[in-house]
N, C-alpha and C. Protein backbone atom coordinates (compact mmCIF):
# COMPACT_ATOMS: atom_id res chain seq x y z
N UNK A 1 155.49 95.64 116.92
CA UNK A 1 154.83 95.91 118.01
C UNK A 1 154.21 94.54 118.32
N UNK A 2 154.63 93.64 119.19
CA UNK A 2 154.38 92.37 119.36
C UNK A 2 153.48 92.44 120.38
N UNK A 3 152.58 91.71 120.10
CA UNK A 3 151.63 91.53 120.75
C UNK A 3 151.40 90.00 121.36
N UNK A 4 150.48 89.88 122.09
CA UNK A 4 150.49 88.19 122.81
C UNK A 4 150.54 86.91 122.25
N UNK A 5 150.32 86.88 120.91
CA UNK A 5 150.15 85.69 120.20
C UNK A 5 151.47 84.86 120.40
N UNK A 6 151.53 83.74 119.97
CA UNK A 6 152.72 83.05 119.95
C UNK A 6 153.48 83.28 118.82
N UNK A 7 154.95 83.17 118.66
CA UNK A 7 155.84 83.89 117.53
C UNK A 7 155.99 82.13 116.51
N UNK A 8 156.18 83.47 115.45
CA UNK A 8 156.07 82.26 114.33
C UNK A 8 157.73 82.14 114.08
N UNK A 9 156.80 80.62 113.16
CA UNK A 9 158.59 79.63 112.76
C UNK A 9 158.73 79.63 112.17
N UNK A 10 159.15 79.30 111.42
CA UNK A 10 159.56 79.02 109.93
C UNK A 10 159.00 77.44 109.47
N UNK A 11 159.24 77.23 108.68
CA UNK A 11 157.90 76.11 108.30
C UNK A 11 160.15 74.62 107.95
N UNK A 12 159.13 73.80 108.78
CA UNK A 12 160.49 73.15 109.11
C UNK A 12 160.02 72.07 108.56
N UNK A 13 161.43 71.00 107.93
CA UNK A 13 161.58 70.27 107.13
C UNK A 13 159.94 69.15 107.86
N UNK A 14 159.32 68.61 106.54
CA UNK A 14 157.92 67.22 107.58
C UNK A 14 159.28 65.87 107.24
N UNK A 15 158.31 64.71 108.99
CA UNK A 15 159.01 63.77 109.06
C UNK A 15 158.81 63.00 107.80
N UNK A 16 160.60 62.72 107.58
CA UNK A 16 160.67 61.60 106.42
C UNK A 16 160.86 60.40 107.04
N UNK A 17 160.13 59.43 106.15
CA UNK A 17 160.47 57.74 106.84
C UNK A 17 162.16 57.54 106.02
N UNK A 18 162.89 57.29 107.38
CA UNK A 18 163.86 56.70 106.82
C UNK A 18 164.17 55.49 106.59
N UNK A 19 165.33 55.25 104.90
CA UNK A 19 165.09 54.21 104.56
C UNK A 19 166.22 53.03 105.53
N UNK A 20 165.44 51.89 105.30
CA UNK A 20 165.73 50.79 106.09
C UNK A 20 167.52 50.81 105.88
N UNK A 21 168.36 50.74 106.65
CA UNK A 21 170.14 50.29 106.28
C UNK A 21 170.22 48.80 106.07
N UNK A 22 170.43 48.57 105.18
CA UNK A 22 170.90 46.97 105.11
C UNK A 22 172.10 46.66 105.84
N UNK A 23 171.83 45.78 106.57
CA UNK A 23 173.50 45.57 107.16
C UNK A 23 174.32 44.05 106.45
N UNK A 24 175.21 44.34 106.60
CA UNK A 24 176.03 43.14 105.96
C UNK A 24 176.68 42.52 106.62
N UNK A 25 176.81 41.12 106.86
CA UNK A 25 177.66 40.43 107.56
C UNK A 25 178.97 40.78 107.26
N UNK A 26 180.37 41.21 108.20
CA UNK A 26 181.45 41.57 107.77
C UNK A 26 182.60 40.43 108.60
N UNK A 27 182.94 39.85 107.68
CA UNK A 27 183.94 38.93 108.07
C UNK A 27 185.55 39.78 109.06
N UNK A 28 185.20 39.26 110.25
CA UNK A 28 186.00 39.96 110.85
C UNK A 28 188.03 39.14 110.74
N UNK A 29 187.86 38.22 110.23
CA UNK A 29 188.82 37.93 110.08
C UNK A 29 189.29 37.68 108.47
N UNK A 30 188.50 38.99 107.45
CA UNK A 30 188.91 38.69 105.76
C UNK A 30 190.49 39.32 106.01
N UNK A 31 191.05 39.44 105.25
CA UNK A 31 192.26 40.05 104.84
C UNK A 31 192.24 41.77 104.96
N UNK A 32 191.49 42.45 104.47
CA UNK A 32 191.22 43.84 104.59
C UNK A 32 190.79 43.91 106.50
N UNK A 33 190.25 43.06 107.30
CA UNK A 33 190.43 43.26 107.99
C UNK A 33 191.52 43.03 109.02
N UNK A 34 192.41 42.16 108.86
CA UNK A 34 192.93 41.60 109.83
C UNK A 34 194.29 43.09 109.42
N UNK A 35 194.12 42.98 107.85
CA UNK A 35 195.16 44.39 107.75
C UNK A 35 195.00 45.62 108.74
N UNK A 36 194.00 45.80 108.53
CA UNK A 36 193.22 47.37 109.53
C UNK A 36 193.54 46.43 111.62
N UNK A 37 193.51 46.17 111.59
CA UNK A 37 193.88 45.62 112.88
C UNK A 37 195.57 45.17 113.31
N UNK A 38 195.82 45.57 111.91
CA UNK A 38 197.40 45.44 112.40
C UNK A 38 198.43 46.21 112.66
N UNK A 39 197.13 47.63 111.78
CA UNK A 39 197.47 48.92 112.21
C UNK A 39 196.77 49.59 113.16
N UNK A 40 196.15 48.84 113.92
CA UNK A 40 194.91 50.26 115.00
C UNK A 40 194.80 49.64 116.18
N UNK A 41 195.25 48.44 116.02
CA UNK A 41 195.39 47.43 117.34
C UNK A 41 196.78 47.33 118.18
N UNK A 42 196.66 47.39 119.19
CA UNK A 42 198.23 47.69 120.08
C UNK A 42 198.63 46.03 120.51
N UNK A 43 197.09 45.76 120.90
CA UNK A 43 197.45 44.20 121.41
C UNK A 43 196.43 43.36 121.41
N UNK A 44 196.27 42.11 121.50
CA UNK A 44 194.96 41.07 121.25
C UNK A 44 193.43 41.78 122.24
N UNK A 45 193.26 41.60 123.40
CA UNK A 45 192.75 42.39 123.94
C UNK A 45 191.72 44.11 123.29
N UNK A 46 193.08 44.78 123.20
CA UNK A 46 192.62 45.79 122.37
C UNK A 46 191.94 45.52 121.30
N UNK A 47 192.60 44.42 120.22
CA UNK A 47 191.56 43.85 119.09
C UNK A 47 190.42 43.63 119.40
N UNK A 48 190.60 42.80 120.10
CA UNK A 48 188.89 41.93 120.69
C UNK A 48 188.16 42.97 121.44
N UNK A 49 188.14 44.09 121.65
CA UNK A 49 187.48 45.29 121.82
C UNK A 49 186.72 45.88 121.05
N UNK A 50 187.68 46.31 120.37
CA UNK A 50 187.63 47.32 118.41
C UNK A 50 186.67 46.41 117.51
N UNK A 51 186.68 44.89 117.88
CA UNK A 51 185.86 44.60 116.82
C UNK A 51 184.45 44.16 117.28
N UNK A 52 184.04 44.36 118.92
CA UNK A 52 183.00 44.45 119.34
C UNK A 52 182.52 43.09 120.57
N UNK A 53 184.00 42.24 121.09
CA UNK A 53 184.29 41.31 122.02
C UNK A 53 184.72 41.94 123.57
N UNK A 54 183.71 42.76 123.93
CA UNK A 54 184.16 42.94 124.84
C UNK A 54 183.94 41.93 126.23
N UNK A 55 184.79 42.16 127.47
CA UNK A 55 184.31 41.20 128.42
C UNK A 55 183.67 42.10 130.11
N UNK A 56 183.04 41.67 131.13
CA UNK A 56 182.52 42.59 131.40
C UNK A 56 184.00 42.44 132.96
N UNK A 57 184.95 44.13 133.45
CA UNK A 57 185.41 44.71 134.21
C UNK A 57 186.97 44.75 133.01
N UNK A 58 186.15 44.87 131.32
CA UNK A 58 187.44 44.98 130.77
C UNK A 58 187.88 46.51 131.32
N UNK A 59 188.76 47.10 130.84
CA UNK A 59 189.36 48.35 131.08
C UNK A 59 188.68 49.10 129.90
N UNK A 60 188.05 50.88 130.20
CA UNK A 60 187.61 51.56 129.51
C UNK A 60 188.83 52.08 128.84
N UNK A 61 188.47 52.55 127.63
CA UNK A 61 189.41 53.10 127.17
C UNK A 61 189.23 54.85 127.09
N UNK A 62 190.32 55.60 127.54
CA UNK A 62 190.62 56.99 127.65
C UNK A 62 190.00 57.98 126.01
N UNK A 63 189.09 58.64 126.30
CA UNK A 63 188.93 59.66 124.97
C UNK A 63 189.39 60.40 124.96
N UNK A 64 190.19 61.20 123.79
CA UNK A 64 190.77 62.01 123.24
C UNK A 64 190.47 63.33 123.62
N UNK A 65 191.60 64.02 124.55
CA UNK A 65 191.06 65.34 124.58
C UNK A 65 190.62 66.55 123.37
N UNK A 66 189.72 67.22 123.00
CA UNK A 66 189.40 68.01 122.20
C UNK A 66 190.12 69.57 122.94
N UNK A 67 190.75 70.11 121.42
CA UNK A 67 191.03 71.33 121.86
C UNK A 67 189.68 72.79 121.33
């Protein structure tokens, strides 16, 4: 029998303080980054876009359609 009280909810995880992420400066011209860019980027503008150097009016890349 259900009385007019609020439904009981299970105990959720308490809010924990998140650890600060340590951001390390990454050299985009390092040999490892260049090798990655060689395989991932198709042209110079795509390489700059993937590295975070976009410009206003740049064409947006189309997302892949999931099945």
